[in-house]
Amino acid sequence: MDHGADGTGFGIGLNRTHPLSKLRGNLRRNPSEIPRVLNMMIQGVWHKSGNKLYFRGGKPPNPSTHPYLTGEPCPVYGWKVTDPGVIREFNLPQLEKNKTTYKPYVALQERKIMGMQAPMKEHSAVPTSAESTDSKPLMKRLFFWK
């Protein structure tokens, strides 16, 4: 495989490098490289030792979302960072956690506030009681029993 599937070069699989980095990755988007990249994503690579590298099945990797390559494998420490500027300057943009998840209950509250009531069915399967929940025992309040 490309540089160091056995741990001697830049690691296993497809490695993305930032355009301003001095390191050299093996993920290129040239037309001649497309079959190699697709094979890595679909099949992985069989190493001489008999192990399948980079992709063993399951969810296929998406190399365009890989973090940028920062260094090379090191026999002593496992990984040696040779381009620390990549870590410092070229991080992937992270979305705020509260923006990544859609919360439908928040959207329903917003509709109530704005005056657009969510469409409700006239006959619900479980009739709701108008009594206050403070008079109910704790377990019934927690599990919404009647």
N, C-alpha and C. Protein backbone atom coordinates (compact mmCIF):
# COMPACT_ATOMS: atom_id res chain seq x y z
N MET A 1 0.84 -1.19 0.00
CA MET A 1 0.00 0.00 0.00
C MET A 1 0.88 1.24 0.00
N ASP A 2 0.25 2.39 0.01
CA ASP A 2 1.01 3.64 0.05
C ASP A 2 1.78 3.73 1.34
N HIS A 3 2.69 4.65 1.34
CA HIS A 3 3.66 4.91 2.41
C HIS A 3 3.29 4.31 3.75
N GLY A 4 3.84 3.17 4.05
CA GLY A 4 3.84 2.68 5.41
C GLY A 4 2.59 2.02 5.90
N ALA A 5 2.04 1.08 5.13
CA ALA A 5 0.93 0.31 5.68
C ALA A 5 1.41 -0.54 6.83
N ASP A 6 2.71 -0.83 6.86
CA ASP A 6 3.27 -1.63 7.95
C ASP A 6 3.80 -0.75 9.07
N GLY A 7 3.47 0.54 9.05
CA GLY A 7 3.85 1.39 10.16
C GLY A 7 5.20 2.06 10.00
N THR A 8 5.71 2.14 8.79
CA THR A 8 7.03 2.76 8.62
C THR A 8 6.95 4.14 7.98
N GLY A 9 5.81 4.50 7.43
CA GLY A 9 5.75 5.77 6.73
C GLY A 9 4.74 6.71 7.34
N PHE A 10 3.72 7.07 6.60
CA PHE A 10 2.74 8.04 7.08
C PHE A 10 1.49 7.39 7.64
N GLY A 11 1.50 6.11 7.88
CA GLY A 11 0.35 5.49 8.51
C GLY A 11 -0.47 4.67 7.54
N ILE A 12 -1.60 4.19 8.03
CA ILE A 12 -2.43 3.26 7.29
C ILE A 12 -3.62 4.01 6.71
N GLY A 13 -3.95 3.73 5.48
CA GLY A 13 -5.16 4.28 4.91
C GLY A 13 -4.92 5.54 4.12
N LEU A 14 -5.97 6.32 3.97
CA LEU A 14 -5.90 7.57 3.21
C LEU A 14 -5.62 8.70 4.19
N ASN A 15 -4.58 9.45 3.91
CA ASN A 15 -4.18 10.53 4.80
C ASN A 15 -4.33 11.86 4.09
N ARG A 16 -5.08 12.75 4.71
CA ARG A 16 -5.36 14.05 4.14
C ARG A 16 -4.37 15.06 4.71
N THR A 17 -3.79 15.91 3.88
CA THR A 17 -2.91 16.96 4.39
C THR A 17 -3.45 18.31 3.97
N HIS A 18 -3.21 19.28 4.81
CA HIS A 18 -3.62 20.65 4.50
C HIS A 18 -2.75 21.18 3.36
N PRO A 19 -3.32 22.00 2.46
CA PRO A 19 -2.51 22.51 1.33
C PRO A 19 -1.28 23.30 1.78
N LEU A 20 -1.32 23.94 2.93
CA LEU A 20 -0.17 24.73 3.39
C LEU A 20 0.80 23.92 4.22
N SER A 21 0.51 22.64 4.45
CA SER A 21 1.39 21.82 5.27
C SER A 21 2.56 21.31 4.45
N LYS A 22 3.68 21.07 5.16
CA LYS A 22 4.85 20.53 4.47
C LYS A 22 4.77 19.01 4.33
N LEU A 23 3.83 18.39 5.02
CA LEU A 23 3.69 16.94 4.93
C LEU A 23 3.01 16.55 3.62
N ARG A 24 3.19 15.28 3.25
CA ARG A 24 2.64 14.80 1.99
C ARG A 24 1.65 13.68 2.29
N GLY A 25 0.39 13.91 1.96
CA GLY A 25 -0.63 12.89 2.18
C GLY A 25 -0.80 12.04 0.95
N ASN A 26 -1.61 11.00 1.07
CA ASN A 26 -1.83 10.12 -0.08
C ASN A 26 -3.27 10.20 -0.58
N LEU A 27 -4.01 11.21 -0.16
CA LEU A 27 -5.36 11.41 -0.68
C LEU A 27 -5.31 12.54 -1.69
N ARG A 28 -5.28 12.16 -2.95
CA ARG A 28 -5.28 13.16 -4.02
C ARG A 28 -6.54 12.99 -4.84
N ARG A 29 -7.01 14.07 -5.41
CA ARG A 29 -8.27 14.03 -6.15
C ARG A 29 -8.05 14.07 -7.65
N ASN A 30 -6.91 13.62 -8.11
CA ASN A 30 -6.67 13.54 -9.55
C ASN A 30 -7.53 12.42 -10.14
N PRO A 31 -7.88 12.53 -11.43
CA PRO A 31 -8.66 11.44 -12.04
C PRO A 31 -7.94 10.09 -12.00
N SER A 32 -6.60 10.11 -12.05
CA SER A 32 -5.88 8.84 -12.03
C SER A 32 -5.90 8.20 -10.64
N GLU A 33 -6.14 8.97 -9.60
CA GLU A 33 -6.12 8.44 -8.23
C GLU A 33 -7.49 7.95 -7.77
N ILE A 34 -8.54 8.26 -8.52
CA ILE A 34 -9.89 7.93 -8.07
C ILE A 34 -10.09 6.43 -7.85
N PRO A 35 -9.63 5.55 -8.77
CA PRO A 35 -9.83 4.11 -8.51
C PRO A 35 -9.14 3.64 -7.23
N ARG A 36 -7.95 4.14 -6.96
CA ARG A 36 -7.23 3.73 -5.74
C ARG A 36 -7.99 4.19 -4.50
N VAL A 37 -8.47 5.43 -4.51
CA VAL A 37 -9.19 5.94 -3.35
C VAL A 37 -10.49 5.18 -3.15
N LEU A 38 -11.20 4.89 -4.25
CA LEU A 38 -12.46 4.14 -4.12
C LEU A 38 -12.20 2.73 -3.61
N ASN A 39 -11.15 2.08 -4.09
CA ASN A 39 -10.83 0.74 -3.60
C ASN A 39 -10.53 0.76 -2.11
N MET A 40 -9.82 1.79 -1.67
CA MET A 40 -9.52 1.88 -0.24
C MET A 40 -10.82 2.05 0.56
N MET A 41 -11.74 2.86 0.04
CA MET A 41 -12.98 3.11 0.78
C MET A 41 -13.91 1.91 0.74
N ILE A 42 -13.91 1.17 -0.36
CA ILE A 42 -14.88 0.08 -0.52
C ILE A 42 -14.32 -1.24 0.01
N GLN A 43 -13.05 -1.52 -0.28
CA GLN A 43 -12.50 -2.84 0.04
C GLN A 43 -11.46 -2.81 1.14
N GLY A 44 -10.78 -1.68 1.34
CA GLY A 44 -9.64 -1.69 2.22
C GLY A 44 -8.45 -2.27 1.49
N VAL A 45 -7.43 -2.64 2.23
CA VAL A 45 -6.20 -3.16 1.62
C VAL A 45 -5.76 -4.38 2.41
N TRP A 46 -5.42 -5.43 1.70
CA TRP A 46 -4.89 -6.62 2.36
C TRP A 46 -3.39 -6.43 2.55
N HIS A 47 -2.92 -6.54 3.78
CA HIS A 47 -1.49 -6.43 4.05
C HIS A 47 -0.85 -7.79 3.90
N LYS A 48 0.48 -7.81 3.77
CA LYS A 48 1.18 -9.09 3.62
C LYS A 48 1.00 -9.97 4.84
N SER A 49 0.75 -9.37 5.99
CA SER A 49 0.58 -10.15 7.21
C SER A 49 -0.76 -10.87 7.26
N GLY A 50 -1.66 -10.55 6.32
CA GLY A 50 -2.98 -11.17 6.31
C GLY A 50 -4.05 -10.29 6.90
N ASN A 51 -3.67 -9.16 7.48
CA ASN A 51 -4.66 -8.25 8.05
C ASN A 51 -5.24 -7.35 6.97
N LYS A 52 -6.49 -7.00 7.16
CA LYS A 52 -7.10 -6.03 6.25
C LYS A 52 -6.97 -4.66 6.89
N LEU A 53 -6.45 -3.72 6.13
CA LEU A 53 -6.16 -2.40 6.68
C LEU A 53 -7.15 -1.37 6.15
N TYR A 54 -7.36 -0.35 6.92
CA TYR A 54 -8.14 0.85 6.63
C TYR A 54 -9.64 0.61 6.62
N PHE A 55 -10.12 -0.47 6.04
CA PHE A 55 -11.56 -0.70 6.04
C PHE A 55 -11.82 -2.18 6.15
N ARG A 56 -12.45 -2.61 7.24
CA ARG A 56 -12.71 -4.03 7.47
C ARG A 56 -14.17 -4.37 7.28
N GLY A 57 -14.98 -3.46 6.80
CA GLY A 57 -16.40 -3.72 6.67
C GLY A 57 -17.19 -2.84 7.62
N GLY A 58 -18.47 -2.74 7.39
CA GLY A 58 -19.28 -1.86 8.23
C GLY A 58 -19.49 -0.53 7.54
N LYS A 59 -19.32 0.53 8.30
CA LYS A 59 -19.54 1.86 7.74
C LYS A 59 -18.30 2.30 6.98
N PRO A 60 -18.40 2.59 5.69
CA PRO A 60 -17.20 2.96 4.93
C PRO A 60 -16.66 4.31 5.39
N PRO A 61 -15.35 4.46 5.42
CA PRO A 61 -14.76 5.72 5.87
C PRO A 61 -14.97 6.82 4.84
N ASN A 62 -15.04 8.04 5.31
CA ASN A 62 -15.17 9.20 4.43
C ASN A 62 -13.89 10.02 4.54
N PRO A 63 -12.96 9.86 3.60
CA PRO A 63 -11.66 10.51 3.77
C PRO A 63 -11.71 12.03 3.74
N SER A 64 -12.77 12.61 3.17
CA SER A 64 -12.81 14.07 3.14
C SER A 64 -13.08 14.66 4.51
N THR A 65 -13.52 13.85 5.46
CA THR A 65 -13.72 14.35 6.82
C THR A 65 -12.61 13.91 7.76
N HIS A 66 -11.59 13.24 7.27
CA HIS A 66 -10.48 12.85 8.13
C HIS A 66 -9.78 14.08 8.68
N PRO A 67 -9.27 14.01 9.89
CA PRO A 67 -8.43 15.11 10.36
C PRO A 67 -7.14 15.17 9.54
N TYR A 68 -6.54 16.34 9.51
CA TYR A 68 -5.32 16.51 8.72
C TYR A 68 -4.17 15.73 9.35
N LEU A 69 -3.29 15.25 8.50
CA LEU A 69 -2.10 14.52 8.93
C LEU A 69 -1.17 15.48 9.67
N THR A 70 -0.70 15.07 10.84
CA THR A 70 0.15 15.95 11.65
C THR A 70 1.58 15.47 11.78
N GLY A 71 1.86 14.23 11.41
CA GLY A 71 3.22 13.72 11.60
C GLY A 71 3.36 12.35 11.01
N GLU A 72 4.09 11.50 11.72
CA GLU A 72 4.36 10.15 11.22
C GLU A 72 4.41 9.17 12.38
N PRO A 73 4.24 7.88 12.10
CA PRO A 73 4.33 6.88 13.17
C PRO A 73 5.73 6.84 13.76
N CYS A 74 5.80 6.60 15.05
CA CYS A 74 7.08 6.55 15.75
C CYS A 74 7.13 5.24 16.53
N PRO A 75 8.23 4.47 16.40
CA PRO A 75 8.29 3.18 17.11
C PRO A 75 8.32 3.34 18.62
N VAL A 76 8.75 4.48 19.14
CA VAL A 76 8.86 4.67 20.58
C VAL A 76 7.56 5.21 21.17
N TYR A 77 7.07 6.32 20.62
CA TYR A 77 5.91 6.99 21.20
C TYR A 77 4.61 6.68 20.48
N GLY A 78 4.67 5.97 19.36
CA GLY A 78 3.47 5.67 18.62
C GLY A 78 3.19 6.67 17.53
N TRP A 79 3.32 7.97 17.84
CA TRP A 79 3.09 9.00 16.83
C TRP A 79 3.96 10.19 17.14
N LYS A 80 4.68 10.66 16.14
CA LYS A 80 5.55 11.82 16.31
C LYS A 80 4.98 12.97 15.49
N VAL A 81 4.68 14.08 16.13
CA VAL A 81 4.14 15.25 15.44
C VAL A 81 5.30 16.00 14.81
N THR A 82 5.28 16.07 13.48
CA THR A 82 6.36 16.77 12.78
C THR A 82 5.92 18.11 12.22
N ASP A 83 4.62 18.36 12.18
CA ASP A 83 4.13 19.65 11.68
C ASP A 83 3.11 20.20 12.69
N PRO A 84 3.59 20.79 13.80
CA PRO A 84 2.65 21.24 14.83
C PRO A 84 1.75 22.37 14.38
N GLY A 85 2.12 23.08 13.32
CA GLY A 85 1.28 24.17 12.82
C GLY A 85 -0.06 23.68 12.32
N VAL A 86 -0.11 22.43 11.88
CA VAL A 86 -1.38 21.87 11.40
C VAL A 86 -2.37 21.80 12.56
N ILE A 87 -1.90 21.39 13.73
CA ILE A 87 -2.77 21.28 14.89
C ILE A 87 -3.23 22.67 15.31
N ARG A 88 -2.30 23.60 15.29
CA ARG A 88 -2.59 24.92 15.83
C ARG A 88 -3.49 25.74 14.91
N GLU A 89 -3.23 25.68 13.60
CA GLU A 89 -3.86 26.63 12.70
C GLU A 89 -4.98 26.04 11.84
N PHE A 90 -4.91 24.76 11.52
CA PHE A 90 -5.79 24.24 10.48
C PHE A 90 -6.80 23.26 11.03
N ASN A 91 -7.34 23.52 12.21
CA ASN A 91 -8.32 22.60 12.78
C ASN A 91 -9.58 22.57 11.94
N LEU A 92 -10.29 21.45 12.00
CA LEU A 92 -11.58 21.37 11.34
C LEU A 92 -12.58 22.24 12.09
N PRO A 93 -13.44 22.95 11.40
CA PRO A 93 -14.44 23.75 12.13
C PRO A 93 -15.42 22.84 12.85
N GLN A 94 -15.65 23.12 14.11
CA GLN A 94 -16.55 22.30 14.91
C GLN A 94 -17.86 23.06 15.11
N LEU A 95 -18.98 22.40 14.84
CA LEU A 95 -20.27 23.01 15.10
C LEU A 95 -20.55 22.99 16.60
N GLU A 96 -21.26 24.00 17.07
CA GLU A 96 -21.66 23.97 18.47
C GLU A 96 -22.62 22.81 18.68
N LYS A 97 -22.51 22.16 19.83
CA LYS A 97 -23.29 20.94 20.04
C LYS A 97 -24.78 21.21 20.01
N ASN A 98 -25.23 22.37 20.50
CA ASN A 98 -26.67 22.61 20.53
C ASN A 98 -27.21 22.91 19.14
N LYS A 99 -26.36 23.23 18.18
CA LYS A 99 -26.85 23.48 16.83
C LYS A 99 -26.89 22.21 15.99
N THR A 100 -26.15 21.19 16.41
CA THR A 100 -26.09 19.98 15.58
C THR A 100 -27.33 19.12 15.73
N THR A 101 -27.98 19.17 16.87
CA THR A 101 -29.14 18.29 17.07
C THR A 101 -30.42 19.09 16.92
N TYR A 102 -31.38 18.50 16.25
CA TYR A 102 -32.69 19.12 16.09
C TYR A 102 -33.56 18.67 17.24
N LYS A 103 -34.13 19.61 17.94
CA LYS A 103 -34.95 19.29 19.09
C LYS A 103 -36.40 19.61 18.77
N PRO A 104 -37.21 18.61 18.47
CA PRO A 104 -38.58 18.88 18.04
C PRO A 104 -39.42 19.54 19.12
N TYR A 105 -39.14 19.22 20.39
CA TYR A 105 -39.96 19.82 21.44
C TYR A 105 -39.70 21.32 21.53
N VAL A 106 -38.48 21.76 21.23
CA VAL A 106 -38.20 23.19 21.21
C VAL A 106 -38.96 23.85 20.07
N ALA A 107 -39.00 23.17 18.92
CA ALA A 107 -39.72 23.73 17.78
C ALA A 107 -41.20 23.86 18.09
N LEU A 108 -41.76 22.89 18.82
CA LEU A 108 -43.17 22.98 19.17
C LEU A 108 -43.43 24.17 20.10
N GLN A 109 -42.53 24.39 21.06
CA GLN A 109 -42.69 25.54 21.95
C GLN A 109 -42.61 26.84 21.17
N GLU A 110 -41.70 26.90 20.19
CA GLU A 110 -41.58 28.11 19.39
C GLU A 110 -42.86 28.36 18.61
N ARG A 111 -43.47 27.31 18.11
CA ARG A 111 -44.73 27.48 17.36
C ARG A 111 -45.82 28.01 18.28
N LYS A 112 -45.84 27.54 19.52
CA LYS A 112 -46.85 28.04 20.46
C LYS A 112 -46.61 29.52 20.75
N ILE A 113 -45.35 29.89 20.93
CA ILE A 113 -45.03 31.28 21.24
C ILE A 113 -45.42 32.19 20.08
N MET A 114 -45.12 31.75 18.88
CA MET A 114 -45.40 32.58 17.71
C MET A 114 -46.89 32.61 17.37
N GLY A 115 -47.70 31.81 18.04
CA GLY A 115 -49.13 31.83 17.79
C GLY A 115 -49.58 30.81 16.77
N MET A 116 -48.65 30.06 16.21
CA MET A 116 -49.03 29.03 15.25
C MET A 116 -49.13 27.72 16.02
N GLN A 117 -50.31 27.40 16.43
CA GLN A 117 -50.49 26.18 17.22
C GLN A 117 -50.25 24.96 16.34
N ALA A 118 -49.53 23.98 16.87
CA ALA A 118 -49.28 22.76 16.12
C ALA A 118 -50.61 22.04 15.90
N PRO A 119 -50.80 21.43 14.73
CA PRO A 119 -52.06 20.73 14.48
C PRO A 119 -52.23 19.56 15.45
N MET A 120 -53.34 19.59 16.18
CA MET A 120 -53.61 18.54 17.16
C MET A 120 -54.80 17.73 16.68
N LYS A 121 -54.79 16.43 16.95
CA LYS A 121 -55.92 15.59 16.59
C LYS A 121 -57.04 15.83 17.60
N GLU A 122 -58.27 15.77 17.12
CA GLU A 122 -59.40 16.04 18.00
C GLU A 122 -59.58 14.93 19.03
N HIS A 123 -59.42 13.68 18.58
CA HIS A 123 -59.61 12.55 19.49
C HIS A 123 -58.26 11.90 19.72
N SER A 124 -57.71 12.07 20.90
CA SER A 124 -56.45 11.41 21.20
C SER A 124 -56.73 10.05 21.81
N ALA A 125 -55.77 9.15 21.72
CA ALA A 125 -55.95 7.79 22.21
C ALA A 125 -56.08 7.78 23.73
N VAL A 126 -55.31 8.66 24.42
CA VAL A 126 -55.35 8.72 25.87
C VAL A 126 -55.95 10.06 26.26
N PRO A 127 -57.13 10.06 26.87
CA PRO A 127 -57.71 11.35 27.27
C PRO A 127 -56.89 11.98 28.40
N THR A 128 -56.65 13.28 28.29
CA THR A 128 -55.85 13.96 29.31
C THR A 128 -56.77 14.49 30.39
N SER A 129 -56.29 14.45 31.62
CA SER A 129 -57.10 14.95 32.72
C SER A 129 -56.72 16.39 33.01
N ALA A 130 -57.71 17.19 33.40
CA ALA A 130 -57.48 18.61 33.64
C ALA A 130 -57.01 18.87 35.07
N GLU A 131 -57.00 17.84 35.93
CA GLU A 131 -56.60 18.05 37.32
C GLU A 131 -55.10 18.32 37.41
N SER A 132 -54.68 18.98 38.46
CA SER A 132 -53.26 19.28 38.60
C SER A 132 -52.51 18.02 39.01
N THR A 133 -51.25 17.95 38.63
CA THR A 133 -50.46 16.75 38.91
C THR A 133 -49.87 16.77 40.31
N ASP A 134 -50.00 17.90 41.04
CA ASP A 134 -49.39 17.96 42.37
C ASP A 134 -50.07 17.02 43.35
N SER A 135 -51.34 16.69 43.11
CA SER A 135 -52.05 15.82 44.04
C SER A 135 -51.72 14.35 43.82
N LYS A 136 -51.05 14.03 42.72
CA LYS A 136 -50.75 12.63 42.42
C LYS A 136 -49.50 12.18 43.17
N PRO A 137 -49.37 10.89 43.44
CA PRO A 137 -48.13 10.39 44.04
C PRO A 137 -46.95 10.58 43.08
N LEU A 138 -45.76 10.54 43.67
CA LEU A 138 -44.55 10.85 42.90
C LEU A 138 -44.38 9.91 41.71
N MET A 139 -44.56 8.61 41.92
CA MET A 139 -44.33 7.66 40.83
C MET A 139 -45.31 7.91 39.68
N LYS A 140 -46.55 8.27 40.02
CA LYS A 140 -47.51 8.53 38.95
C LYS A 140 -47.18 9.82 38.23
N ARG A 141 -46.63 10.81 38.95
CA ARG A 141 -46.23 12.04 38.28
C ARG A 141 -45.05 11.79 37.36
N LEU A 142 -44.12 10.94 37.80
CA LEU A 142 -42.93 10.69 36.99
C LEU A 142 -43.27 9.95 35.71
N PHE A 143 -44.14 8.95 35.81
CA PHE A 143 -44.39 8.10 34.66
C PHE A 143 -45.69 8.45 33.94
N PHE A 144 -46.29 9.59 34.27
CA PHE A 144 -47.46 10.09 33.57
C PHE A 144 -48.62 9.10 33.60
N TRP A 145 -48.76 8.37 34.72
CA TRP A 145 -49.89 7.48 34.85
C TRP A 145 -51.10 8.26 35.30
N LYS A 146 -52.27 7.65 35.18
CA LYS A 146 -53.50 8.33 35.61
C LYS A 146 -53.80 8.00 37.05
